[in-house]
Protein backbone atom coordinates (compact mmCIF):
# COMPACT_ATOMS: atom_id res chain seq x y z
CA MET A 1 -8.19 1.45 21.19
CA VAL A 2 -10.01 2.98 17.99
CA GLU A 3 -10.23 1.22 14.65
CA THR A 4 -10.99 2.67 11.46
CA ARG A 5 -10.75 1.44 7.91
CA THR A 6 -9.49 4.42 5.91
CA GLN A 7 -5.92 6.00 6.08
CA GLN A 8 -7.69 9.45 5.72
CA THR A 9 -9.64 8.80 9.11
CA ILE A 10 -6.38 7.54 10.72
CA CYS A 11 -4.73 10.66 9.81
CA ARG A 12 -7.41 12.75 11.15
CA LEU A 13 -7.32 11.08 14.48
CA VAL A 14 -3.76 11.01 14.95
CA ALA A 15 -4.02 14.91 14.11
CA LEU A 16 -6.53 15.02 16.85
CA GLY A 17 -4.21 13.42 19.19
CA VAL A 18 -5.98 10.18 19.34
CA GLY A 19 -3.04 8.09 19.06
CA VAL A 20 -0.38 6.60 16.53
CA SER A 21 -0.66 4.45 13.61
CA VAL A 22 1.34 2.66 11.02
CA VAL A 23 0.41 3.79 7.53
CA ASP A 24 1.27 3.55 4.03
CA PRO A 25 3.59 6.51 3.57
CA MET A 26 1.87 7.88 0.49
CA VAL A 27 -0.63 9.50 3.18
CA ASP A 28 2.06 12.46 3.30
CA SER A 29 -0.61 14.33 0.94
CA MET A 30 -3.48 13.85 3.38
CA ILE A 31 -1.54 15.07 6.79
CA ASP A 32 -1.16 18.54 8.17
CA PRO A 33 2.66 18.71 8.84
CA GLN A 34 2.05 21.07 11.67
CA LYS A 35 -0.07 18.46 13.35
CA VAL A 36 1.27 15.15 12.30
CA ALA A 37 4.57 13.78 12.07
CA LEU A 38 5.37 11.20 9.16
CA ARG A 39 8.27 9.04 10.14
CA PRO A 40 9.52 6.31 8.04
CA LEU A 41 10.01 2.70 9.31
CA ARG A 42 13.45 1.46 9.42
CA PRO A 43 14.26 -1.21 8.20
CA ALA A 44 11.69 -0.75 5.64
CA VAL A 45 8.62 -3.22 5.91
CA THR A 46 7.88 -5.52 3.14
CA TRP A 47 5.09 -7.87 2.20
CA ASP A 48 4.23 -10.18 -0.32
CA LEU A 49 1.17 -9.16 -2.69
CA ALA A 50 -1.14 -11.34 -4.84
CA VAL A 51 -3.07 -10.91 -7.96
CA ILE A 52 -6.77 -12.01 -7.58
CA HIS A 53 -9.24 -12.46 -10.52
CA SER A 54 -12.26 -14.29 -11.34
CA SER A 55 -11.95 -18.18 -11.49
CA VAL A 56 -15.40 -18.33 -13.05
CA THR A 57 -14.75 -16.12 -16.26
CA LYS A 58 -11.56 -15.66 -18.13
CA PRO A 59 -10.13 -12.02 -17.70
CA PRO A 60 -9.82 -10.01 -20.93
CA LEU A 61 -6.93 -10.35 -22.79
CA VAL A 62 -5.47 -7.07 -21.71
CA ALA A 63 -5.97 -8.27 -18.01
CA GLN A 64 -4.27 -11.40 -18.79
CA ASP A 65 -1.26 -9.52 -20.23
CA PHE A 66 -1.22 -7.52 -16.91
CA ILE A 67 -1.50 -10.41 -14.72
CA ASN A 68 1.26 -12.22 -16.69
CA LEU A 69 3.41 -9.14 -16.39
CA LEU A 70 2.71 -8.76 -12.47
CA VAL A 71 3.34 -12.64 -11.62
CA ARG A 72 6.37 -13.60 -13.99
CA GLU A 73 9.72 -14.40 -12.60
CA PRO A 74 12.61 -11.88 -13.13
CA GLY A 75 14.76 -12.25 -15.84
CA PRO A 76 18.44 -11.05 -16.94
CA GLY A 77 18.55 -7.47 -16.69
CA ASP A 78 15.55 -6.76 -14.57
CA ALA A 79 16.24 -4.59 -11.46
CA LYS A 80 17.47 -6.25 -8.46
CA GLU A 81 16.42 -5.41 -4.78
């Protein structure tokens, strides 16, 4: 087993035939389609994300607005899954 932290390294190792991996599909710009096959997982895999920020200092107003936008509950008219 080989472990690495970067998707670029993962793509290179797969291209060399070292193994397979589950990666972010955005790696398509990092792969040589002649050497690596990118196959989407079905059904799609989803996971929860969170926003982190300092608990010692208050974020700038623009950051606070961004945080509020990300963590708000969907309202009427918002896109639904």
